[in-house]
PDB file of N, CA and C in Angstrom:
ATOM      1  N   MET A   1     -18.504   1.863   6.647  1.00  0.00           N
ATOM      2  CA  MET A   1     -17.974   0.077   7.035  1.00  0.00           C
ATOM      3  C   MET A   1     -16.268   0.599   6.564  1.00  0.00           C
ATOM      4  N   GLY A   2     -15.241   0.088   7.455  1.00  0.00           N
ATOM      5  CA  GLY A   2     -14.163   0.498   7.135  1.00  0.00           C
ATOM      6  C   GLY A   2     -13.174  -0.766   5.739  1.00  0.00           C
ATOM      7  N   ALA A   3     -12.478   0.010   5.239  1.00  0.00           N
ATOM      8  CA  ALA A   3     -11.764  -0.518   4.689  1.00  0.00           C
ATOM      9  C   ALA A   3     -10.123  -0.993   4.807  1.00  0.00           C
ATOM     10  N   LEU A   4      -9.247  -2.443   4.315  1.00  0.00           N
ATOM     11  CA  LEU A   4      -7.984  -2.345   3.822  1.00  0.00           C
ATOM     12  C   LEU A   4      -7.371  -2.307   2.639  1.00  0.00           C
ATOM     13  N   TRP A   5      -6.225  -1.781   3.178  1.00  0.00           N
ATOM     14  CA  TRP A   5      -5.544  -1.533   1.427  1.00  0.00           C
ATOM     15  C   TRP A   5      -4.368  -2.487   1.805  1.00  0.00           C
ATOM     16  N   ILE A   6      -4.275  -3.606   1.064  1.00  0.00           N
ATOM     17  CA  ILE A   6      -3.039  -4.959   1.367  1.00  0.00           C
ATOM     18  C   ILE A   6      -2.324  -4.862   0.567  1.00  0.00           C
ATOM     19  N   ALA A   7      -0.943  -4.618   0.479  1.00  0.00           N
ATOM     20  CA  ALA A   7       0.081  -4.849  -0.441  1.00  0.00           C
ATOM     21  C   ALA A   7       1.023  -5.804   0.007  1.00  0.00           C
ATOM     22  N   HIS A   8       1.458  -6.457  -0.870  1.00  0.00           N
ATOM     23  CA  HIS A   8       2.884  -7.337  -1.103  1.00  0.00           C
ATOM     24  C   HIS A   8       3.407  -7.136  -2.135  1.00  0.00           C
ATOM     25  N   VAL A   9       4.910  -6.677  -1.593  1.00  0.00           N
ATOM     26  CA  VAL A   9       5.714  -6.306  -2.235  1.00  0.00           C
ATOM     27  C   VAL A   9       7.390  -7.073  -2.338  1.00  0.00           C
ATOM     28  N   THR A  10       7.521  -7.002  -3.608  1.00  0.00           N
ATOM     29  CA  THR A  10       9.171  -7.546  -3.330  1.00  0.00           C
ATOM     30  C   THR A  10       9.863  -6.014  -4.153  1.00  0.00           C
ATOM     31  N   VAL A  11      10.587  -5.507  -3.206  1.00  0.00           N
ATOM     32  CA  VAL A  11      11.575  -4.289  -3.825  1.00  0.00           C
ATOM     33  C   VAL A  11      12.630  -4.483  -4.392  1.00  0.00           C
ATOM     34  N   THR A  12      12.652  -3.963  -6.195  1.00  0.00           N
ATOM     35  CA  THR A  12      13.755  -4.470  -6.827  1.00  0.00           C
ATOM     36  C   THR A  12      14.995  -3.299  -7.018  1.00  0.00           C
ATOM     37  N   ASP A  13      14.626  -1.607  -6.563  1.00  0.00           N
ATOM     38  CA  ASP A  13      15.542  -0.710  -6.378  1.00  0.00           C
ATOM     39  C   ASP A  13      15.008  -0.046  -5.749  1.00  0.00           C
ATOM     40  N   ASP A  14      15.754  -0.294  -4.361  1.00  0.00           N
ATOM     41  CA  ASP A  14      15.520   0.667  -3.234  1.00  0.00           C
ATOM     42  C   ASP A  14      15.397   1.900  -3.363  1.00  0.00           C
ATOM     43  N   ASP A  15      16.239   2.761  -3.631  1.00  0.00           N
ATOM     44  CA  ASP A  15      16.308   4.132  -4.313  1.00  0.00           C
ATOM     45  C   ASP A  15      15.044   4.682  -4.449  1.00  0.00           C
ATOM     46  N   ALA A  16      14.534   4.202  -5.742  1.00  0.00           N
ATOM     47  CA  ALA A  16      13.278   4.193  -6.428  1.00  0.00           C
ATOM     48  C   ALA A  16      12.045   4.196  -5.523  1.00  0.00           C
ATOM     49  N   TYR A  17      12.131   3.037  -4.868  1.00  0.00           N
ATOM     50  CA  TYR A  17      10.739   2.607  -4.043  1.00  0.00           C
ATOM     51  C   TYR A  17      10.726   3.678  -3.008  1.00  0.00           C
ATOM     52  N   SER A  18      11.542   4.104  -2.488  1.00  0.00           N
ATOM     53  CA  SER A  18      11.980   5.415  -1.033  1.00  0.00           C
ATOM     54  C   SER A  18      11.251   6.767  -1.443  1.00  0.00           C
ATOM     55  N   LYS A  19      10.993   6.595  -2.745  1.00  0.00           N
ATOM     56  CA  LYS A  19      10.589   8.028  -3.108  1.00  0.00           C
ATOM     57  C   LYS A  19       9.220   7.298  -3.088  1.00  0.00           C
ATOM     58  N   TYR A  20       8.564   6.428  -4.022  1.00  0.00           N
ATOM     59  CA  TYR A  20       7.491   5.726  -3.788  1.00  0.00           C
ATOM     60  C   TYR A  20       6.507   6.057  -2.404  1.00  0.00           C
ATOM     61  N   ALA A  21       7.237   5.313  -1.432  1.00  0.00           N
ATOM     62  CA  ALA A  21       7.148   5.221  -0.266  1.00  0.00           C
ATOM     63  C   ALA A  21       6.947   6.661   0.384  1.00  0.00           C
ATOM     64  N   ALA A  22       7.591   7.708   0.185  1.00  0.00           N
ATOM     65  CA  ALA A  22       7.427   9.016   0.999  1.00  0.00           C
ATOM     66  C   ALA A  22       6.043   9.413   0.501  1.00  0.00           C
ATOM     67  N   LEU A  23       6.074   9.427  -1.041  1.00  0.00           N
ATOM     68  CA  LEU A  23       4.854  10.191  -1.593  1.00  0.00           C
ATOM     69  C   LEU A  23       3.490   8.813  -1.538  1.00  0.00           C
ATOM     70  N   ALA A  24       3.625   8.036  -1.442  1.00  0.00           N
ATOM     71  CA  ALA A  24       2.075   7.268  -0.498  1.00  0.00           C
ATOM     72  C   ALA A  24       1.827   7.410   0.517  1.00  0.00           C
ATOM     73  N   THR A  25       2.690   7.673   1.439  1.00  0.00           N
ATOM     74  CA  THR A  25       2.596   8.059   3.070  1.00  0.00           C
ATOM     75  C   THR A  25       2.029   8.830   2.898  1.00  0.00           C
ATOM     76  N   GLU A  26       2.201  10.492   2.218  1.00  0.00           N
ATOM     77  CA  GLU A  26       1.589  11.509   2.460  1.00  0.00           C
ATOM     78  C   GLU A  26       0.007  10.956   1.756  1.00  0.00           C
ATOM     79  N   ALA A  27       0.160  10.533   0.534  1.00  0.00           N
ATOM     80  CA  ALA A  27      -1.618  10.123   0.053  1.00  0.00           C
ATOM     81  C   ALA A  27      -2.358   9.253   1.048  1.00  0.00           C
ATOM     82  N   ILE A  28      -1.793   8.633   1.933  1.00  0.00           N
ATOM     83  CA  ILE A  28      -2.669   8.037   2.357  1.00  0.00           C
ATOM     84  C   ILE A  28      -3.131   8.384   3.618  1.00  0.00           C
ATOM     85  N   ALA A  29      -1.857   9.529   4.197  1.00  0.00           N
ATOM     86  CA  ALA A  29      -2.563  10.564   5.384  1.00  0.00           C
ATOM     87  C   ALA A  29      -3.489  10.991   5.094  1.00  0.00           C
ATOM     88  N   ALA A  30      -3.590  11.773   3.731  1.00  0.00           N
ATOM     89  CA  ALA A  30      -4.440  12.956   3.060  1.00  0.00           C
ATOM     90  C   ALA A  30      -5.820  12.191   2.843  1.00  0.00           C
ATOM     91  N   HIS A  31      -5.790  10.830   3.135  1.00  0.00           N
ATOM     92  CA  HIS A  31      -7.411  10.198   2.773  1.00  0.00           C
ATOM     93  C   HIS A  31      -7.538   9.675   3.875  1.00  0.00           C
ATOM     94  N   GLY A  32      -7.080   9.869   5.064  1.00  0.00           N
ATOM     95  CA  GLY A  32      -7.544   9.435   6.562  1.00  0.00           C
ATOM     96  C   GLY A  32      -6.979   7.953   6.927  1.00  0.00           C
ATOM     97  N   GLY A  33      -6.029   7.509   5.905  1.00  0.00           N
ATOM     98  CA  GLY A  33      -5.631   6.001   6.000  1.00  0.00           C
ATOM     99  C   GLY A  33      -4.235   6.140   7.350  1.00  0.00           C
ATOM    100  N   THR A  34      -4.327   5.187   7.689  1.00  0.00           N
ATOM    101  CA  THR A  34      -3.342   4.957   8.572  1.00  0.00           C
ATOM    102  C   THR A  34      -2.970   3.290   8.610  1.00  0.00           C
ATOM    103  N   PHE A  35      -1.653   3.271   8.635  1.00  0.00           N
ATOM    104  CA  PHE A  35      -0.887   1.951   8.731  1.00  0.00           C
ATOM    105  C   PHE A  35      -1.171   1.087  10.150  1.00  0.00           C
ATOM    106  N   ILE A  36      -1.546  -0.140   9.476  1.00  0.00           N
ATOM    107  CA  ILE A  36      -1.678  -1.074  10.650  1.00  0.00           C
ATOM    108  C   ILE A  36      -0.098  -1.876  10.680  1.00  0.00           C
ATOM    109  N   ALA A  37      -0.006  -2.183   9.559  1.00  0.00           N
ATOM    110  CA  ALA A  37       1.378  -2.867   9.647  1.00  0.00           C
ATOM    111  C   ALA A  37       2.298  -2.560   8.438  1.00  0.00           C
ATOM    112  N   ARG A  38       3.488  -2.331   8.285  1.00  0.00           N
ATOM    113  CA  ARG A  38       4.458  -1.992   7.498  1.00  0.00           C
ATOM    114  C   ARG A  38       5.852  -2.570   7.365  1.00  0.00           C
ATOM    115  N   GLY A  39       6.199  -3.634   6.605  1.00  0.00           N
ATOM    116  CA  GLY A  39       7.030  -4.417   5.989  1.00  0.00           C
ATOM    117  C   GLY A  39       7.680  -4.946   7.651  1.00  0.00           C
ATOM    118  N   GLY A  40       6.756  -5.346   8.443  1.00  0.00           N
ATOM    119  CA  GLY A  40       7.185  -6.412   9.592  1.00  0.00           C
ATOM    120  C   GLY A  40       7.341  -7.499   9.271  1.00  0.00           C
ATOM    121  N   ARG A  41       7.658  -8.407  10.469  1.00  0.00           N
ATOM    122  CA  ARG A  41       7.886  -9.951  10.789  1.00  0.00           C
ATOM    123  C   ARG A  41       6.307 -10.367  10.204  1.00  0.00           C
ATOM    124  N   PHE A  42       6.430 -11.347   9.234  1.00  0.00           N
ATOM    125  CA  PHE A  42       5.350 -12.305   9.055  1.00  0.00           C
ATOM    126  C   PHE A  42       5.620 -13.593   8.847  1.00  0.00           C
ATOM    127  N   VAL A  43       4.814 -14.776   8.625  1.00  0.00           N
ATOM    128  CA  VAL A  43       4.843 -15.996   8.609  1.00  0.00           C
ATOM    129  C   VAL A  43       3.757 -16.157   7.268  1.00  0.00           C
ATOM    130  N   GLN A  44       4.753 -16.682   6.192  1.00  0.00           N
ATOM    131  CA  GLN A  44       3.762 -16.973   4.950  1.00  0.00           C
ATOM    132  C   GLN A  44       3.346 -18.461   5.005  1.00  0.00           C
ATOM    133  N   LEU A  45       2.163 -18.482   4.855  1.00  0.00           N
ATOM    134  CA  LEU A  45       1.401 -20.331   5.251  1.00  0.00           C
ATOM    135  C   LEU A  45       1.083 -20.401   3.624  1.00  0.00           C
ATOM    136  N   GLU A  46       0.401 -19.803   2.943  1.00  0.00           N
ATOM    137  CA  GLU A  46       0.175 -20.187   1.685  1.00  0.00           C
ATOM    138  C   GLU A  46       0.426 -18.977   0.250  1.00  0.00           C
ATOM    139  N   GLY A  47       0.741 -19.620  -0.401  1.00  0.00           N
ATOM    140  CA  GLY A  47       0.950 -18.479  -1.917  1.00  0.00           C
ATOM    141  C   GLY A  47       2.712 -18.194  -1.856  1.00  0.00           C
ATOM    142  N   ARG A  48       2.627 -17.244  -2.713  1.00  0.00           N
ATOM    143  CA  ARG A  48       3.632 -16.610  -2.979  1.00  0.00           C
ATOM    144  C   ARG A  48       4.364 -15.634  -1.820  1.00  0.00           C
ATOM    145  N   ALA A  49       5.304 -15.615  -1.110  1.00  0.00           N
ATOM    146  CA  ALA A  49       6.240 -14.648  -0.520  1.00  0.00           C
ATOM    147  C   ALA A  49       6.405 -13.199  -1.163  1.00  0.00           C
ATOM    148  N   ARG A  50       5.880 -12.344  -0.424  1.00  0.00           N
ATOM    149  CA  ARG A  50       6.755 -11.129  -0.677  1.00  0.00           C
ATOM    150  C   ARG A  50       7.138 -10.501   0.602  1.00  0.00           C
ATOM    151  N   PRO A  51       8.732 -10.173   0.591  1.00  0.00           N
ATOM    152  CA  PRO A  51       9.503  -9.663   1.424  1.00  0.00           C
ATOM    153  C   PRO A  51       8.744  -8.455   2.513  1.00  0.00           C
ATOM    154  N   ARG A  52       7.905  -7.281   1.730  1.00  0.00           N
ATOM    155  CA  ARG A  52       7.279  -6.178   2.232  1.00  0.00           C
ATOM    156  C   ARG A  52       5.958  -6.391   2.248  1.00  0.00           C
ATOM    157  N   ASN A  53       5.199  -6.519   3.149  1.00  0.00           N
ATOM    158  CA  ASN A  53       3.716  -6.262   3.188  1.00  0.00           C
ATOM    159  C   ASN A  53       2.940  -5.240   4.164  1.00  0.00           C
ATOM    160  N   VAL A  54       2.728  -4.730   3.459  1.00  0.00           N
ATOM    161  CA  VAL A  54       1.863  -3.593   4.352  1.00  0.00           C
ATOM    162  C   VAL A  54       0.025  -3.688   4.418  1.00  0.00           C
ATOM    163  N   VAL A  55      -0.695  -3.040   5.348  1.00  0.00           N
ATOM    164  CA  VAL A  55      -2.001  -2.723   5.648  1.00  0.00           C
ATOM    165  C   VAL A  55      -1.623  -1.521   6.057  1.00  0.00           C
ATOM    166  N   ALA A  56      -3.102  -0.986   5.261  1.00  0.00           N
ATOM    167  CA  ALA A  56      -3.466   0.456   6.196  1.00  0.00           C
ATOM    168  C   ALA A  56      -5.175   0.506   6.091  1.00  0.00           C
ATOM    169  N   ARG A  57      -5.736   0.992   6.826  1.00  0.00           N
ATOM    170  CA  ARG A  57      -6.743   0.875   7.092  1.00  0.00           C
ATOM    171  C   ARG A  57      -7.231   2.195   6.421  1.00  0.00           C
ATOM    172  N   PHE A  58      -8.395   2.605   6.090  1.00  0.00           N
ATOM    173  CA  PHE A  58      -9.543   3.645   5.486  1.00  0.00           C
ATOM    174  C   PHE A  58     -10.855   3.636   6.166  1.00  0.00           C
ATOM    175  N   PRO A  59     -11.255   5.055   5.967  1.00  0.00           N
ATOM    176  CA  PRO A  59     -12.641   4.856   6.654  1.00  0.00           C
ATOM    177  C   PRO A  59     -13.726   4.107   5.705  1.00  0.00           C
ATOM    178  N   ASP A  60     -13.425   3.719   4.380  1.00  0.00           N
ATOM    179  CA  ASP A  60     -14.356   2.933   3.604  1.00  0.00           C
ATOM    180  C   ASP A  60     -13.806   2.396   2.264  1.00  0.00           C
ATOM    181  N   VAL A  61     -14.450   1.597   1.343  1.00  0.00           N
ATOM    182  CA  VAL A  61     -13.562   1.038   0.225  1.00  0.00           C
ATOM    183  C   VAL A  61     -13.430   2.652  -0.620  1.00  0.00           C
ATOM    184  N   GLU A  62     -14.433   3.557  -1.023  1.00  0.00           N
ATOM    185  CA  GLU A  62     -14.187   4.409  -1.405  1.00  0.00           C
ATOM    186  C   GLU A  62     -13.465   5.187  -1.597  1.00  0.00           C
ATOM    187  N   THR A  63     -12.902   5.867  -0.389  1.00  0.00           N
ATOM    188  CA  THR A  63     -11.943   6.306   0.404  1.00  0.00           C
ATOM    189  C   THR A  63     -10.721   6.312  -0.185  1.00  0.00           C
ATOM    190  N   ALA A  64     -10.303   4.954   0.214  1.00  0.00           N
ATOM    191  CA  ALA A  64      -9.422   3.900  -0.098  1.00  0.00           C
ATOM    192  C   ALA A  64      -8.807   3.901  -1.596  1.00  0.00           C
ATOM    193  N   GLU A  65      -9.919   3.772  -2.229  1.00  0.00           N
ATOM    194  CA  GLU A  65     -10.099   4.088  -3.905  1.00  0.00           C
ATOM    195  C   GLU A  65      -9.564   5.021  -4.374  1.00  0.00           C
ATOM    196  N   LYS A  66     -10.088   6.229  -3.878  1.00  0.00           N
ATOM    197  CA  LYS A  66      -9.910   7.144  -4.216  1.00  0.00           C
ATOM    198  C   LYS A  66      -8.429   8.021  -3.984  1.00  0.00           C
ATOM    199  N   CYS A  67      -7.892   7.938  -3.017  1.00  0.00           N
ATOM    200  CA  CYS A  67      -6.678   7.489  -2.579  1.00  0.00           C
ATOM    201  C   CYS A  67      -5.586   6.901  -3.465  1.00  0.00           C
ATOM    202  N   TYR A  68      -5.808   5.551  -4.348  1.00  0.00           N
ATOM    203  CA  TYR A  68      -5.194   5.379  -5.175  1.00  0.00           C
ATOM    204  C   TYR A  68      -5.400   6.305  -6.365  1.00  0.00           C
ATOM    205  N   ARG A  69      -6.486   6.576  -6.668  1.00  0.00           N
ATOM    206  CA  ARG A  69      -6.322   7.103  -7.967  1.00  0.00           C
ATOM    207  C   ARG A  69      -6.085   8.836  -7.783  1.00  0.00           C
ATOM    208  N   SER A  70      -5.423   9.151  -6.638  1.00  0.00           N
ATOM    209  CA  SER A  70      -5.071  10.767  -6.673  1.00  0.00           C
ATOM    210  C   SER A  70      -4.296  10.604  -7.588  1.00  0.00           C
ATOM    211  N   ASP A  71      -3.755  12.155  -7.625  1.00  0.00           N
ATOM    212  CA  ASP A  71      -2.506  12.282  -8.229  1.00  0.00           C
ATOM    213  C   ASP A  71      -1.269  12.251  -7.381  1.00  0.00           C
ATOM    214  N   VAL A  72      -1.394  12.444  -6.243  1.00  0.00           N
ATOM    215  CA  VAL A  72      -0.592  12.249  -5.363  1.00  0.00           C
ATOM    216  C   VAL A  72       0.322  10.488  -5.221  1.00  0.00           C
ATOM    217  N   TYR A  73      -0.753   9.503  -5.192  1.00  0.00           N
ATOM    218  CA  TYR A  73      -0.455   8.480  -5.267  1.00  0.00           C
ATOM    219  C   TYR A  73       0.064   7.904  -6.709  1.00  0.00           C
ATOM    220  N   GLN A  74      -0.652   8.404  -7.762  1.00  0.00           N
ATOM    221  CA  GLN A  74      -0.417   7.860  -9.077  1.00  0.00           C
ATOM    222  C   GLN A  74       1.260   8.776  -9.197  1.00  0.00           C
ATOM    223  N   GLU A  75       1.496   9.697  -8.980  1.00  0.00           N
ATOM    224  CA  GLU A  75       2.975   9.909  -9.054  1.00  0.00           C
ATOM    225  C   GLU A  75       3.782   9.451  -8.225  1.00  0.00           C
ATOM    226  N   ALA A  76       3.454   8.786  -6.535  1.00  0.00           N
ATOM    227  CA  ALA A  76       4.105   7.650  -6.242  1.00  0.00           C
ATOM    228  C   ALA A  76       4.499   6.463  -7.174  1.00  0.00           C
ATOM    229  N   LEU A  77       3.294   6.202  -7.411  1.00  0.00           N
ATOM    230  CA  LEU A  77       3.473   4.439  -8.349  1.00  0.00           C
ATOM    231  C   LEU A  77       4.204   5.002  -9.682  1.00  0.00           C
ATOM    232  N   SER A  78       4.763   6.019 -10.372  1.00  0.00           N
ATOM    233  CA  SER A  78       5.489   6.022 -11.156  1.00  0.00           C
ATOM    234  C   SER A  78       6.813   5.687 -10.528  1.00  0.00           C
ATOM    235  N   HIS A  79       7.487   5.991  -9.412  1.00  0.00           N
ATOM    236  CA  HIS A  79       8.729   5.429  -8.972  1.00  0.00           C
ATOM    237  C   HIS A  79       8.536   4.023  -8.756  1.00  0.00           C
ATOM    238  N   ALA A  80       7.302   3.379  -8.038  1.00  0.00           N
ATOM    239  CA  ALA A  80       7.376   1.971  -8.166  1.00  0.00           C
ATOM    240  C   ALA A  80       6.959   0.982  -8.701  1.00  0.00           C
ATOM    241  N   ARG A  81       6.923   1.361 -10.082  1.00  0.00           N
ATOM    242  CA  ARG A  81       6.305   0.449 -10.754  1.00  0.00           C
ATOM    243  C   ARG A  81       7.734  -0.363 -11.754  1.00  0.00           C
ATOM    244  N   ASN A  82       8.919   0.532 -11.784  1.00  0.00           N
ATOM    245  CA  ASN A  82      10.123  -0.408 -11.947  1.00  0.00           C
ATOM    246  C   ASN A  82      10.962  -0.605 -11.216  1.00  0.00           C
ATOM    247  N   ALA A  83      10.712  -0.460  -9.845  1.00  0.00           N
ATOM    248  CA  ALA A  83      11.277  -0.466  -8.605  1.00  0.00           C
ATOM    249  C   ALA A  83      10.639  -1.624  -7.883  1.00  0.00           C
ATOM    250  N   SER A  84       9.599  -2.216  -8.194  1.00  0.00           N
ATOM    251  CA  SER A  84       8.986  -3.357  -7.436  1.00  0.00           C
ATOM    252  C   SER A  84       8.216  -4.172  -8.395  1.00  0.00           C
ATOM    253  N   GLU A  85       8.062  -5.546  -7.535  1.00  0.00           N
ATOM    254  CA  GLU A  85       6.782  -6.346  -8.016  1.00  0.00           C
ATOM    255  C   GLU A  85       5.602  -6.209  -6.680  1.00  0.00           C
ATOM    256  N   ARG A  86       4.545  -6.117  -7.420  1.00  0.00           N
ATOM    257  CA  ARG A  86       3.455  -5.609  -5.690  1.00  0.00           C
ATOM    258  C   ARG A  86       1.925  -6.430  -6.410  1.00  0.00           C
ATOM    259  N   GLU A  87       1.333  -6.533  -5.840  1.00  0.00           N
ATOM    260  CA  GLU A  87       0.096  -6.805  -5.595  1.00  0.00           C
ATOM    261  C   GLU A  87      -0.679  -6.003  -4.483  1.00  0.00           C
ATOM    262  N   LEU A  88      -1.998  -5.494  -5.040  1.00  0.00           N
ATOM    263  CA  LEU A  88      -2.211  -4.348  -3.981  1.00  0.00           C
ATOM    264  C   LEU A  88      -3.588  -4.247  -4.287  1.00  0.00           C
ATOM    265  N   MET A  89      -4.301  -4.897  -2.977  1.00  0.00           N
ATOM    266  CA  MET A  89      -5.913  -4.639  -2.923  1.00  0.00           C
ATOM    267  C   MET A  89      -6.593  -4.179  -2.261  1.00  0.00           C
ATOM    268  N   ILE A  90      -8.143  -3.819  -2.043  1.00  0.00           N
ATOM    269  CA  ILE A  90      -8.690  -3.073  -1.329  1.00  0.00           C
ATOM    270  C   ILE A  90     -10.008  -4.018  -0.720  1.00  0.00           C
ATOM    271  N   ILE A  91     -10.161  -4.246   0.710  1.00  0.00           N
ATOM    272  CA  ILE A  91     -10.912  -5.085   0.977  1.00  0.00           C
ATOM    273  C   ILE A  91     -11.542  -4.344   2.163  1.00  0.00           C
ATOM    274  N   GLU A  92     -13.448  -4.362   1.944  1.00  0.00           N
ATOM    275  CA  GLU A  92     -13.981  -4.063   2.833  1.00  0.00           C
ATOM    276  C   GLU A  92     -14.210  -4.985   4.348  1.00  0.00           C
ATOM    277  N   THR A  93     -13.740  -4.003   5.393  1.00  0.00           N
ATOM    278  CA  THR A  93     -14.117  -4.744   6.847  1.00  0.00           C
ATOM    279  C   THR A  93     -15.156  -4.707   7.234  1.00  0.00           C
ATOM    280  N   ASN A  94     -15.600  -5.857   7.957  1.00  0.00           N
ATOM    281  CA  ASN A  94     -16.921  -5.468   9.142  1.00  0.00           C
ATOM    282  C   ASN A  94     -17.215  -4.878  10.239  1.00  0.00           C
ATOM    283  N   GLU A  95     -16.167  -3.983  10.130  1.00  0.00           N
ATOM    284  CA  GLU A  95     -16.790  -2.892  11.189  1.00  0.00           C
ATOM    285  C   GLU A  95     -17.694  -2.127  10.942  1.00  0.00           C
TER     286      GLU A  95
END
């Protein structure tokens, strides 16, 4: 089954977050991930809104988690931690 990586983000430091985004894109691509949505228009119906929302598709949950734990993504996170407030989840799809 496939998996989706879903992030809800408020960026607080654009320069640092751009470093995160470049490295995260590299890590996601290296693990077979593809972006479905990345910062586009959204309608918040419930819960807390975050101005940036990202959805990436991976082959499976294990690969998505491996991406998160990879050296490249962890380096990316070092730039995001003080540059954003975020929630990130991996969810298995029914595909």
